[in-house]
PDB file of N, CA and C in Angstrom:
ATOM      1  N   UNK A   1      -2.339  20.091 -39.638  1.00  0.00           N
ATOM      2  CA  UNK A   1      -1.197  20.562 -38.710  1.00  0.00           C
ATOM      3  C   UNK A   1      -1.332  19.256 -37.829  1.00  0.00           C
ATOM      4  N   UNK A   2      -0.305  18.500 -37.309  1.00  0.00           N
ATOM      5  CA  UNK A   2      -0.551  17.323 -36.075  1.00  0.00           C
ATOM      6  C   UNK A   2      -0.899  18.179 -35.016  1.00  0.00           C
ATOM      7  N   UNK A   3      -1.475  17.368 -34.044  1.00  0.00           N
ATOM      8  CA  UNK A   3      -1.696  18.029 -32.930  1.00  0.00           C
ATOM      9  C   UNK A   3      -0.604  17.475 -31.535  1.00  0.00           C
ATOM     10  N   UNK A   4       0.365  18.014 -31.533  1.00  0.00           N
ATOM     11  CA  UNK A   4       1.584  17.559 -30.957  1.00  0.00           C
ATOM     12  C   UNK A   4       1.133  18.470 -29.421  1.00  0.00           C
ATOM     13  N   UNK A   5       2.271  18.171 -28.486  1.00  0.00           N
ATOM     14  CA  UNK A   5       1.910  18.982 -27.378  1.00  0.00           C
ATOM     15  C   UNK A   5       2.070  20.450 -27.446  1.00  0.00           C
ATOM     16  N   UNK A   6       3.293  20.951 -28.073  1.00  0.00           N
ATOM     17  CA  UNK A   6       3.186  22.555 -28.663  1.00  0.00           C
ATOM     18  C   UNK A   6       2.123  22.805 -29.169  1.00  0.00           C
ATOM     19  N   UNK A   7       1.555  22.334 -30.127  1.00  0.00           N
ATOM     20  CA  UNK A   7       0.547  22.604 -31.134  1.00  0.00           C
ATOM     21  C   UNK A   7      -0.692  23.226 -30.278  1.00  0.00           C
ATOM     22  N   UNK A   8      -1.039  22.099 -29.241  1.00  0.00           N
ATOM     23  CA  UNK A   8      -2.192  22.023 -28.194  1.00  0.00           C
ATOM     24  C   UNK A   8      -2.315  23.549 -27.701  1.00  0.00           C
ATOM     25  N   UNK A   9      -0.863  23.611 -26.896  1.00  0.00           N
ATOM     26  CA  UNK A   9      -0.891  24.841 -26.126  1.00  0.00           C
ATOM     27  C   UNK A   9      -1.038  26.167 -27.044  1.00  0.00           C
ATOM     28  N   UNK A  10      -0.323  26.063 -28.181  1.00  0.00           N
ATOM     29  CA  UNK A  10      -0.571  27.038 -29.142  1.00  0.00           C
ATOM     30  C   UNK A  10      -2.070  27.438 -29.297  1.00  0.00           C
ATOM     31  N   UNK A  11      -2.769  26.467 -29.585  1.00  0.00           N
ATOM     32  CA  UNK A  11      -4.329  26.698 -29.999  1.00  0.00           C
ATOM     33  C   UNK A  11      -5.029  27.066 -28.506  1.00  0.00           C
ATOM     34  N   UNK A  12      -4.808  26.420 -27.659  1.00  0.00           N
ATOM     35  CA  UNK A  12      -5.314  26.922 -26.269  1.00  0.00           C
ATOM     36  C   UNK A  12      -4.964  28.610 -26.360  1.00  0.00           C
ATOM     37  N   UNK A  13      -3.744  28.754 -26.649  1.00  0.00           N
ATOM     38  CA  UNK A  13      -3.619  30.414 -26.543  1.00  0.00           C
ATOM     39  C   UNK A  13      -4.173  30.962 -27.260  1.00  0.00           C
ATOM     40  N   UNK A  14      -4.428  30.510 -28.288  1.00  0.00           N
ATOM     41  CA  UNK A  14      -5.313  31.612 -29.351  1.00  0.00           C
ATOM     42  C   UNK A  14      -6.655  31.300 -29.379  1.00  0.00           C
ATOM     43  N   UNK A  15      -7.267  30.539 -28.316  1.00  0.00           N
ATOM     44  CA  UNK A  15      -8.489  29.983 -28.776  1.00  0.00           C
ATOM     45  C   UNK A  15      -9.391  30.803 -28.588  1.00  0.00           C
ATOM     46  N   UNK A  16     -10.548  31.343 -29.225  1.00  0.00           N
ATOM     47  CA  UNK A  16     -11.376  32.351 -29.120  1.00  0.00           C
ATOM     48  C   UNK A  16     -12.731  31.722 -29.581  1.00  0.00           C
ATOM     49  N   UNK A  17     -13.179  30.826 -28.709  1.00  0.00           N
ATOM     50  CA  UNK A  17     -14.339  30.240 -29.161  1.00  0.00           C
ATOM     51  C   UNK A  17     -15.571  31.144 -29.543  1.00  0.00           C
ATOM     52  N   UNK A  18     -16.197  30.699 -30.603  1.00  0.00           N
ATOM     53  CA  UNK A  18     -17.388  31.391 -31.024  1.00  0.00           C
ATOM     54  C   UNK A  18     -18.638  30.990 -30.317  1.00  0.00           C
ATOM     55  N   UNK A  19     -19.718  31.599 -30.425  1.00  0.00           N
ATOM     56  CA  UNK A  19     -21.100  31.224 -29.965  1.00  0.00           C
ATOM     57  C   UNK A  19     -21.287  30.053 -30.431  1.00  0.00           C
ATOM     58  N   UNK A  20     -21.420  30.094 -31.800  1.00  0.00           N
ATOM     59  CA  UNK A  20     -21.756  29.084 -32.618  1.00  0.00           C
ATOM     60  C   UNK A  20     -20.986  27.650 -32.538  1.00  0.00           C
ATOM     61  N   UNK A  21     -19.512  27.706 -32.285  1.00  0.00           N
ATOM     62  CA  UNK A  21     -18.969  26.274 -31.864  1.00  0.00           C
ATOM     63  C   UNK A  21     -19.175  25.971 -30.529  1.00  0.00           C
ATOM     64  N   UNK A  22     -19.667  26.831 -29.517  1.00  0.00           N
ATOM     65  CA  UNK A  22     -20.206  26.263 -28.267  1.00  0.00           C
ATOM     66  C   UNK A  22     -21.402  25.584 -28.497  1.00  0.00           C
ATOM     67  N   UNK A  23     -22.067  26.223 -29.269  1.00  0.00           N
ATOM     68  CA  UNK A  23     -23.702  25.593 -29.701  1.00  0.00           C
ATOM     69  C   UNK A  23     -23.400  24.428 -29.920  1.00  0.00           C
ATOM     70  N   UNK A  24     -22.381  24.347 -31.176  1.00  0.00           N
ATOM     71  CA  UNK A  24     -22.354  22.923 -32.048  1.00  0.00           C
ATOM     72  C   UNK A  24     -22.025  21.998 -30.844  1.00  0.00           C
ATOM     73  N   UNK A  25     -20.677  22.290 -30.003  1.00  0.00           N
ATOM     74  CA  UNK A  25     -20.448  21.257 -28.829  1.00  0.00           C
ATOM     75  C   UNK A  25     -21.634  20.891 -27.630  1.00  0.00           C
ATOM     76  N   UNK A  26     -22.388  21.651 -27.671  1.00  0.00           N
ATOM     77  CA  UNK A  26     -23.386  21.584 -26.923  1.00  0.00           C
ATOM     78  C   UNK A  26     -24.704  20.555 -27.398  1.00  0.00           C
ATOM     79  N   UNK A  27     -24.722  20.835 -28.493  1.00  0.00           N
ATOM     80  CA  UNK A  27     -25.646  20.121 -29.554  1.00  0.00           C
ATOM     81  C   UNK A  27     -25.046  18.492 -29.246  1.00  0.00           C
ATOM     82  N   UNK A  28     -24.151  18.480 -29.761  1.00  0.00           N
ATOM     83  CA  UNK A  28     -22.926  17.184 -29.881  1.00  0.00           C
ATOM     84  C   UNK A  28     -23.015  16.575 -28.380  1.00  0.00           C
ATOM     85  N   UNK A  29     -23.079  17.149 -27.430  1.00  0.00           N
ATOM     86  CA  UNK A  29     -23.303  16.938 -26.105  1.00  0.00           C
ATOM     87  C   UNK A  29     -24.826  16.320 -25.668  1.00  0.00           C
ATOM     88  N   UNK A  30     -25.635  16.770 -26.623  1.00  0.00           N
ATOM     89  CA  UNK A  30     -26.995  17.085 -25.965  1.00  0.00           C
ATOM     90  C   UNK A  30     -27.646  17.306 -24.758  1.00  0.00           C
ATOM     91  N   UNK A  31     -26.756  18.616 -24.889  1.00  0.00           N
ATOM     92  CA  UNK A  31     -26.868  19.511 -23.759  1.00  0.00           C
ATOM     93  C   UNK A  31     -28.095  20.443 -24.266  1.00  0.00           C
ATOM     94  N   UNK A  32     -29.199  20.693 -23.911  1.00  0.00           N
ATOM     95  CA  UNK A  32     -30.183  21.769 -24.233  1.00  0.00           C
ATOM     96  C   UNK A  32     -30.153  22.696 -23.297  1.00  0.00           C
ATOM     97  N   UNK A  33     -28.860  24.048 -24.053  1.00  0.00           N
ATOM     98  CA  UNK A  33     -28.819  25.068 -23.014  1.00  0.00           C
ATOM     99  C   UNK A  33     -29.452  26.412 -23.763  1.00  0.00           C
ATOM    100  N   UNK A  34     -29.911  27.156 -23.034  1.00  0.00           N
ATOM    101  CA  UNK A  34     -30.346  28.407 -23.369  1.00  0.00           C
ATOM    102  C   UNK A  34     -29.172  29.276 -23.952  1.00  0.00           C
ATOM    103  N   UNK A  35     -29.586  30.266 -24.674  1.00  0.00           N
ATOM    104  CA  UNK A  35     -28.811  31.405 -25.283  1.00  0.00           C
ATOM    105  C   UNK A  35     -27.889  31.733 -23.981  1.00  0.00           C
ATOM    106  N   UNK A  36     -28.374  32.209 -22.886  1.00  0.00           N
ATOM    107  CA  UNK A  36     -27.753  32.833 -21.792  1.00  0.00           C
ATOM    108  C   UNK A  36     -26.622  31.842 -21.390  1.00  0.00           C
ATOM    109  N   UNK A  37     -27.076  30.467 -21.073  1.00  0.00           N
ATOM    110  CA  UNK A  37     -25.955  29.361 -21.053  1.00  0.00           C
ATOM    111  C   UNK A  37     -24.778  29.467 -21.863  1.00  0.00           C
ATOM    112  N   UNK A  38     -25.287  29.569 -22.937  1.00  0.00           N
ATOM    113  CA  UNK A  38     -24.391  29.349 -24.118  1.00  0.00           C
ATOM    114  C   UNK A  38     -23.312  30.369 -23.902  1.00  0.00           C
ATOM    115  N   UNK A  39     -23.777  31.720 -23.471  1.00  0.00           N
ATOM    116  CA  UNK A  39     -22.823  32.858 -23.679  1.00  0.00           C
ATOM    117  C   UNK A  39     -22.237  32.398 -22.543  1.00  0.00           C
ATOM    118  N   UNK A  40     -22.288  32.025 -21.408  1.00  0.00           N
ATOM    119  CA  UNK A  40     -21.638  31.994 -20.195  1.00  0.00           C
ATOM    120  C   UNK A  40     -20.820  30.938 -20.085  1.00  0.00           C
ATOM    121  N   UNK A  41     -21.142  29.527 -20.842  1.00  0.00           N
ATOM    122  CA  UNK A  41     -19.929  28.701 -21.247  1.00  0.00           C
ATOM    123  C   UNK A  41     -19.100  29.152 -22.371  1.00  0.00           C
ATOM    124  N   UNK A  42     -19.173  30.087 -22.817  1.00  0.00           N
ATOM    125  CA  UNK A  42     -18.479  30.618 -24.325  1.00  0.00           C
ATOM    126  C   UNK A  42     -17.384  31.076 -23.373  1.00  0.00           C
ATOM    127  N   UNK A  43     -17.506  31.998 -22.329  1.00  0.00           N
ATOM    128  CA  UNK A  43     -16.432  32.955 -21.878  1.00  0.00           C
ATOM    129  C   UNK A  43     -15.898  31.870 -20.967  1.00  0.00           C
ATOM    130  N   UNK A  44     -16.673  31.044 -19.906  1.00  0.00           N
ATOM    131  CA  UNK A  44     -15.673  30.285 -19.422  1.00  0.00           C
ATOM    132  C   UNK A  44     -14.732  29.306 -19.979  1.00  0.00           C
ATOM    133  N   UNK A  45     -15.289  28.821 -21.319  1.00  0.00           N
ATOM    134  CA  UNK A  45     -14.003  27.992 -22.053  1.00  0.00           C
ATOM    135  C   UNK A  45     -13.070  28.771 -22.660  1.00  0.00           C
ATOM    136  N   UNK A  46     -13.407  29.895 -22.634  1.00  0.00           N
ATOM    137  CA  UNK A  46     -12.240  30.737 -23.089  1.00  0.00           C
ATOM    138  C   UNK A  46     -11.219  30.877 -22.026  1.00  0.00           C
ATOM    139  N   UNK A  47     -11.739  31.094 -21.149  1.00  0.00           N
ATOM    140  CA  UNK A  47     -11.064  31.375 -19.866  1.00  0.00           C
ATOM    141  C   UNK A  47     -10.046  30.411 -19.670  1.00  0.00           C
ATOM    142  N   UNK A  48     -10.892  28.730 -19.912  1.00  0.00           N
ATOM    143  CA  UNK A  48     -10.078  28.039 -19.147  1.00  0.00           C
ATOM    144  C   UNK A  48      -9.134  27.449 -20.391  1.00  0.00           C
ATOM    145  N   UNK A  49      -9.139  27.956 -21.755  1.00  0.00           N
ATOM    146  CA  UNK A  49      -8.381  27.378 -22.629  1.00  0.00           C
ATOM    147  C   UNK A  49      -6.987  28.862 -22.622  1.00  0.00           C
ATOM    148  N   UNK A  50      -7.247  29.675 -22.360  1.00  0.00           N
ATOM    149  CA  UNK A  50      -6.328  30.688 -22.037  1.00  0.00           C
ATOM    150  C   UNK A  50      -5.370  30.196 -20.779  1.00  0.00           C
ATOM    151  N   UNK A  51      -5.985  29.848 -19.713  1.00  0.00           N
ATOM    152  CA  UNK A  51      -5.299  29.229 -18.543  1.00  0.00           C
ATOM    153  C   UNK A  51      -4.787  28.125 -19.228  1.00  0.00           C
ATOM    154  N   UNK A  52      -4.756  27.200 -19.904  1.00  0.00           N
ATOM    155  CA  UNK A  52      -4.065  26.001 -20.507  1.00  0.00           C
ATOM    156  C   UNK A  52      -2.829  26.814 -21.111  1.00  0.00           C
ATOM    157  N   UNK A  53      -3.029  27.734 -21.914  1.00  0.00           N
ATOM    158  CA  UNK A  53      -2.167  28.202 -23.041  1.00  0.00           C
ATOM    159  C   UNK A  53      -1.038  28.871 -21.855  1.00  0.00           C
ATOM    160  N   UNK A  54      -1.189  29.064 -20.823  1.00  0.00           N
ATOM    161  CA  UNK A  54      -0.262  29.665 -19.820  1.00  0.00           C
ATOM    162  C   UNK A  54       0.608  28.638 -18.837  1.00  0.00           C
ATOM    163  N   UNK A  55      -0.043  27.487 -18.669  1.00  0.00           N
ATOM    164  CA  UNK A  55       0.454  26.254 -18.299  1.00  0.00           C
ATOM    165  C   UNK A  55       1.650  25.966 -19.376  1.00  0.00           C
ATOM    166  N   UNK A  56       1.142  25.786 -20.486  1.00  0.00           N
ATOM    167  CA  UNK A  56       1.789  25.186 -21.765  1.00  0.00           C
ATOM    168  C   UNK A  56       3.063  26.125 -21.394  1.00  0.00           C
ATOM    169  N   UNK A  57       3.223  27.345 -20.968  1.00  0.00           N
ATOM    170  CA  UNK A  57       4.325  28.272 -21.170  1.00  0.00           C
ATOM    171  C   UNK A  57       5.279  28.117 -20.232  1.00  0.00           C
ATOM    172  N   UNK A  58       4.980  27.456 -18.952  1.00  0.00           N
ATOM    173  CA  UNK A  58       5.675  26.998 -18.077  1.00  0.00           C
ATOM    174  C   UNK A  58       7.178  26.361 -18.253  1.00  0.00           C
ATOM    175  N   UNK A  59       8.241  26.602 -17.568  1.00  0.00           N
ATOM    176  CA  UNK A  59       9.246  26.380 -17.863  1.00  0.00           C
ATOM    177  C   UNK A  59       9.755  24.876 -17.235  1.00  0.00           C
ATOM    178  N   UNK A  60       9.534  23.980 -17.625  1.00  0.00           N
ATOM    179  CA  UNK A  60       9.257  22.604 -16.818  1.00  0.00           C
ATOM    180  C   UNK A  60      10.776  21.279 -17.539  1.00  0.00           C
ATOM    181  N   UNK A  61      11.611  22.153 -18.085  1.00  0.00           N
ATOM    182  CA  UNK A  61      12.760  20.946 -18.368  1.00  0.00           C
ATOM    183  C   UNK A  61      13.537  20.528 -17.122  1.00  0.00           C
ATOM    184  N   UNK A  62      13.356  20.993 -15.985  1.00  0.00           N
ATOM    185  CA  UNK A  62      14.307  20.808 -14.951  1.00  0.00           C
ATOM    186  C   UNK A  62      13.489  20.129 -13.746  1.00  0.00           C
ATOM    187  N   UNK A  63      12.384  20.080 -14.247  1.00  0.00           N
ATOM    188  CA  UNK A  63      11.478  19.464 -13.030  1.00  0.00           C
ATOM    189  C   UNK A  63      11.477  17.737 -13.187  1.00  0.00           C
ATOM    190  N   UNK A  64      11.580  17.108 -12.067  1.00  0.00           N
ATOM    191  CA  UNK A  64      11.334  15.736 -12.397  1.00  0.00           C
ATOM    192  C   UNK A  64      10.120  15.274 -12.115  1.00  0.00           C
ATOM    193  N   UNK A  65       9.491  14.172 -12.919  1.00  0.00           N
ATOM    194  CA  UNK A  65       8.192  14.042 -12.941  1.00  0.00           C
ATOM    195  C   UNK A  65       7.849  13.240 -11.540  1.00  0.00           C
ATOM    196  N   UNK A  66       6.974  13.284 -10.548  1.00  0.00           N
ATOM    197  CA  UNK A  66       6.508  12.565  -9.545  1.00  0.00           C
ATOM    198  C   UNK A  66       5.466  11.877  -9.484  1.00  0.00           C
ATOM    199  N   UNK A  67       5.660  10.146  -9.728  1.00  0.00           N
ATOM    200  CA  UNK A  67       4.625   9.617  -9.586  1.00  0.00           C
ATOM    201  C   UNK A  67       3.872   9.187  -8.654  1.00  0.00           C
ATOM    202  N   UNK A  68       4.922   8.991  -7.575  1.00  0.00           N
ATOM    203  CA  UNK A  68       4.506   9.141  -6.130  1.00  0.00           C
ATOM    204  C   UNK A  68       4.861  10.080  -5.104  1.00  0.00           C
ATOM    205  N   UNK A  69       3.904  10.671  -4.620  1.00  0.00           N
ATOM    206  CA  UNK A  69       4.576  11.771  -3.611  1.00  0.00           C
ATOM    207  C   UNK A  69       3.876  11.599  -2.265  1.00  0.00           C
ATOM    208  N   UNK A  70       3.566  10.542  -2.090  1.00  0.00           N
ATOM    209  CA  UNK A  70       3.466  10.133  -0.467  1.00  0.00           C
ATOM    210  C   UNK A  70       4.338   9.191   0.357  1.00  0.00           C
ATOM    211  N   UNK A  71       5.091   8.913  -0.749  1.00  0.00           N
ATOM    212  CA  UNK A  71       6.211   7.885  -0.370  1.00  0.00           C
ATOM    213  C   UNK A  71       5.870   6.158   0.532  1.00  0.00           C
ATOM    214  N   UNK A  72       4.513   6.340   0.229  1.00  0.00           N
ATOM    215  CA  UNK A  72       4.028   5.160   0.985  1.00  0.00           C
ATOM    216  C   UNK A  72       4.157   3.958  -0.110  1.00  0.00           C
ATOM    217  N   UNK A  73       4.912   2.735   0.434  1.00  0.00           N
ATOM    218  CA  UNK A  73       4.976   1.674  -0.231  1.00  0.00           C
ATOM    219  C   UNK A  73       3.904   0.776  -0.255  1.00  0.00           C
ATOM    220  N   UNK A  74       3.856  -0.092  -1.025  1.00  0.00           N
ATOM    221  CA  UNK A  74       3.029  -1.345  -1.243  1.00  0.00           C
ATOM    222  C   UNK A  74       3.244  -2.295   0.253  1.00  0.00           C
ATOM    223  N   UNK A  75       2.299  -2.370   0.910  1.00  0.00           N
ATOM    224  CA  UNK A  75       2.553  -3.128   1.873  1.00  0.00           C
ATOM    225  C   UNK A  75       1.621  -4.660   1.802  1.00  0.00           C
ATOM    226  N   UNK A  76       2.292  -5.455   1.908  1.00  0.00           N
ATOM    227  CA  UNK A  76       1.652  -6.782   1.798  1.00  0.00           C
ATOM    228  C   UNK A  76       1.772  -7.881   2.938  1.00  0.00           C
ATOM    229  N   UNK A  77       1.038  -8.605   3.033  1.00  0.00           N
ATOM    230  CA  UNK A  77       1.028  -9.535   4.396  1.00  0.00           C
ATOM    231  C   UNK A  77       1.276 -11.168   3.690  1.00  0.00           C
ATOM    232  N   UNK A  78       1.511 -11.688   4.518  1.00  0.00           N
ATOM    233  CA  UNK A  78       1.511 -13.248   4.418  1.00  0.00           C
ATOM    234  C   UNK A  78       0.634 -14.045   4.332  1.00  0.00           C
ATOM    235  N   UNK A  79       0.070 -14.590   3.103  1.00  0.00           N
ATOM    236  CA  UNK A  79      -1.278 -14.916   2.784  1.00  0.00           C
ATOM    237  C   UNK A  79      -1.381 -16.329   4.273  1.00  0.00           C
ATOM    238  N   UNK A  80      -2.424 -16.490   5.191  1.00  0.00           N
ATOM    239  CA  UNK A  80      -2.571 -17.547   6.048  1.00  0.00           C
ATOM    240  C   UNK A  80      -3.587 -17.933   5.918  1.00  0.00           C
ATOM    241  N   UNK A  81      -3.754 -19.503   6.270  1.00  0.00           N
ATOM    242  CA  UNK A  81      -4.577 -20.136   6.325  1.00  0.00           C
ATOM    243  C   UNK A  81      -5.126 -20.860   7.486  1.00  0.00           C
ATOM    244  N   UNK A  82      -6.516 -20.442   7.802  1.00  0.00           N
ATOM    245  CA  UNK A  82      -6.915 -20.355   9.087  1.00  0.00           C
ATOM    246  C   UNK A  82      -7.666 -21.847   8.810  1.00  0.00           C
ATOM    247  N   UNK A  83      -7.038 -23.037   9.305  1.00  0.00           N
ATOM    248  CA  UNK A  83      -7.764 -24.464   9.160  1.00  0.00           C
ATOM    249  C   UNK A  83      -8.859 -24.666   9.825  1.00  0.00           C
ATOM    250  N   UNK A  84      -9.344 -23.893  11.025  1.00  0.00           N
ATOM    251  CA  UNK A  84     -10.520 -24.406  11.466  1.00  0.00           C
ATOM    252  C   UNK A  84     -11.833 -23.334  11.053  1.00  0.00           C
ATOM    253  N   UNK A  85     -11.464 -22.683  10.062  1.00  0.00           N
ATOM    254  CA  UNK A  85     -12.631 -21.946   9.546  1.00  0.00           C
ATOM    255  C   UNK A  85     -12.558 -21.961   7.890  1.00  0.00           C
ATOM    256  N   UNK A  86     -11.998 -22.932   7.321  1.00  0.00           N
ATOM    257  CA  UNK A  86     -11.884 -23.458   5.957  1.00  0.00           C
ATOM    258  C   UNK A  86     -12.722 -24.462   5.440  1.00  0.00           C
ATOM    259  N   UNK A  87     -13.416 -24.517   4.497  1.00  0.00           N
ATOM    260  CA  UNK A  87     -14.584 -25.105   4.366  1.00  0.00           C
ATOM    261  C   UNK A  87     -13.756 -26.316   3.275  1.00  0.00           C
ATOM    262  N   UNK A  88     -14.464 -27.563   3.522  1.00  0.00           N
ATOM    263  CA  UNK A  88     -14.278 -28.307   2.642  1.00  0.00           C
ATOM    264  C   UNK A  88     -15.194 -27.986   0.703  1.00  0.00           C
ATOM    265  N   UNK A  89     -14.905 -28.686   0.016  1.00  0.00           N
ATOM    266  CA  UNK A  89     -15.741 -28.507  -1.433  1.00  0.00           C
ATOM    267  C   UNK A  89     -17.055 -28.849  -1.052  1.00  0.00           C
ATOM    268  N   UNK A  90     -17.702 -30.113  -0.279  1.00  0.00           N
ATOM    269  CA  UNK A  90     -18.930 -30.442  -0.163  1.00  0.00           C
ATOM    270  C   UNK A  90     -19.460 -29.415   0.778  1.00  0.00           C
ATOM    271  N   UNK A  91     -18.988 -28.952   2.077  1.00  0.00           N
ATOM    272  CA  UNK A  91     -19.355 -28.101   2.494  1.00  0.00           C
ATOM    273  C   UNK A  91     -19.618 -26.780   1.896  1.00  0.00           C
ATOM    274  N   UNK A  92     -18.785 -26.176   0.947  1.00  0.00           N
ATOM    275  CA  UNK A  92     -19.044 -24.966   0.398  1.00  0.00           C
ATOM    276  C   UNK A  92     -20.056 -24.967  -0.636  1.00  0.00           C
ATOM    277  N   UNK A  93     -20.287 -26.265  -1.262  1.00  0.00           N
ATOM    278  CA  UNK A  93     -21.703 -26.269  -2.533  1.00  0.00           C
ATOM    279  C   UNK A  93     -22.740 -27.029  -1.502  1.00  0.00           C
ATOM    280  N   UNK A  94     -22.786 -26.835  -0.481  1.00  0.00           N
ATOM    281  CA  UNK A  94     -24.029 -27.686   0.551  1.00  0.00           C
ATOM    282  C   UNK A  94     -25.229 -27.162   0.214  1.00  0.00           C
ATOM    283  N   UNK A  95     -25.418 -25.390  -0.090  1.00  0.00           N
ATOM    284  CA  UNK A  95     -26.193 -24.772   0.124  1.00  0.00           C
ATOM    285  C   UNK A  95     -26.536 -24.647  -1.586  1.00  0.00           C
ATOM    286  N   UNK A  96     -25.904 -24.828  -2.671  1.00  0.00           N
ATOM    287  CA  UNK A  96     -25.964 -24.399  -4.145  1.00  0.00           C
ATOM    288  C   UNK A  96     -27.104 -25.379  -4.678  1.00  0.00           C
ATOM    289  N   UNK A  97     -27.757 -24.912  -5.400  1.00  0.00           N
ATOM    290  CA  UNK A  97     -29.080 -25.240  -6.587  1.00  0.00           C
ATOM    291  C   UNK A  97     -28.512 -26.596  -6.845  1.00  0.00           C
ATOM    292  N   UNK A  98     -27.489 -26.373  -7.695  1.00  0.00           N
ATOM    293  CA  UNK A  98     -26.835 -27.618  -8.802  1.00  0.00           C
ATOM    294  C   UNK A  98     -25.564 -27.118  -8.461  1.00  0.00           C
ATOM    295  N   UNK A  99     -24.719 -28.584  -8.261  1.00  0.00           N
ATOM    296  CA  UNK A  99     -23.313 -28.741  -8.468  1.00  0.00           C
ATOM    297  C   UNK A  99     -23.128 -30.072  -9.200  1.00  0.00           C
ATOM    298  N   UNK A 100     -21.761 -29.699  -9.810  1.00  0.00           N
ATOM    299  CA  UNK A 100     -21.459 -30.783 -11.075  1.00  0.00           C
ATOM    300  C   UNK A 100     -19.923 -30.952 -10.700  1.00  0.00           C
ATOM    301  N   UNK A 101     -19.635 -32.324  -9.990  1.00  0.00           N
ATOM    302  CA  UNK A 101     -17.985 -32.411  -9.766  1.00  0.00           C
ATOM    303  C   UNK A 101     -17.307 -31.894  -9.031  1.00  0.00           C
ATOM    304  N   UNK A 102     -18.302 -31.355  -7.801  1.00  0.00           N
ATOM    305  CA  UNK A 102     -17.814 -30.335  -6.787  1.00  0.00           C
ATOM    306  C   UNK A 102     -17.653 -28.877  -7.176  1.00  0.00           C
ATOM    307  N   UNK A 103     -18.173 -28.240  -8.191  1.00  0.00           N
ATOM    308  CA  UNK A 103     -18.260 -26.848  -9.199  1.00  0.00           C
ATOM    309  C   UNK A 103     -19.914 -26.614  -8.848  1.00  0.00           C
ATOM    310  N   UNK A 104     -19.991 -25.428  -8.467  1.00  0.00           N
ATOM    311  CA  UNK A 104     -21.408 -24.542  -8.719  1.00  0.00           C
ATOM    312  C   UNK A 104     -21.806 -24.468 -10.445  1.00  0.00           C
ATOM    313  N   UNK A 105     -23.068 -24.962 -10.558  1.00  0.00           N
ATOM    314  CA  UNK A 105     -23.761 -24.788 -11.770  1.00  0.00           C
ATOM    315  C   UNK A 105     -24.597 -23.554 -12.089  1.00  0.00           C
ATOM    316  N   UNK A 106     -24.508 -22.914 -12.678  1.00  0.00           N
ATOM    317  CA  UNK A 106     -25.236 -21.602 -12.819  1.00  0.00           C
ATOM    318  C   UNK A 106     -25.919 -21.362 -14.200  1.00  0.00           C
ATOM    319  N   UNK A 107     -26.856 -20.758 -14.515  1.00  0.00           N
ATOM    320  CA  UNK A 107     -27.055 -20.301 -16.020  1.00  0.00           C
ATOM    321  C   UNK A 107     -26.317 -19.715 -16.431  1.00  0.00           C
ATOM    322  N   UNK A 108     -26.193 -19.674 -17.718  1.00  0.00           N
ATOM    323  CA  UNK A 108     -25.230 -19.302 -18.904  1.00  0.00           C
ATOM    324  C   UNK A 108     -26.200 -17.504 -18.617  1.00  0.00           C
ATOM    325  N   UNK A 109     -24.964 -16.859 -19.039  1.00  0.00           N
ATOM    326  CA  UNK A 109     -25.418 -15.211 -19.199  1.00  0.00           C
ATOM    327  C   UNK A 109     -24.878 -14.631 -20.855  1.00  0.00           C
ATOM    328  N   UNK A 110     -24.768 -15.796 -21.489  1.00  0.00           N
ATOM    329  CA  UNK A 110     -24.290 -15.366 -22.652  1.00  0.00           C
ATOM    330  C   UNK A 110     -24.839 -15.971 -23.648  1.00  0.00           C
ATOM    331  N   UNK A 111     -25.699 -15.069 -24.618  1.00  0.00           N
ATOM    332  CA  UNK A 111     -26.666 -15.844 -25.587  1.00  0.00           C
ATOM    333  C   UNK A 111     -25.604 -16.821 -26.783  1.00  0.00           C
ATOM    334  N   UNK A 112     -26.517 -17.811 -27.082  1.00  0.00           N
ATOM    335  CA  UNK A 112     -25.912 -18.656 -28.012  1.00  0.00           C
ATOM    336  C   UNK A 112     -26.427 -18.739 -29.186  1.00  0.00           C
TER     337      UNK A 112
END
C-alpha cells in the first residue's frame, strides 16, 4: 500500500509497536538499551504515534499556510566601498607564502 498522507495518519492511529519492533529499531540505530528502557520507549512511541493520528484527524481545509509569521521583510543595504580601507592585490597577497599572477597559491585538498 503506498504511504500517502492519509495512509500515514491511519498507520499512526493504528500503530501499536511491539517490544520486538522497538528492539529492532534500537539495534538498527546502534542504541544499547536495557529491557526496561525498551519498554519505556515502546510506550512513549505508541503515545507519539497516537498523537500524530489525532493531528491527522484535524480539519485543515480552510486554514491557509503560513510560510512567514513575523512579517519581517528582507532588509538589504547598498554595498559601499570604503576606498581608504581597500587593499590592492599586492597588499592583500603580501604575507602569502606563494603567489602566482596576483592569486594565492595553496596546496590541493584533492587527491590525484
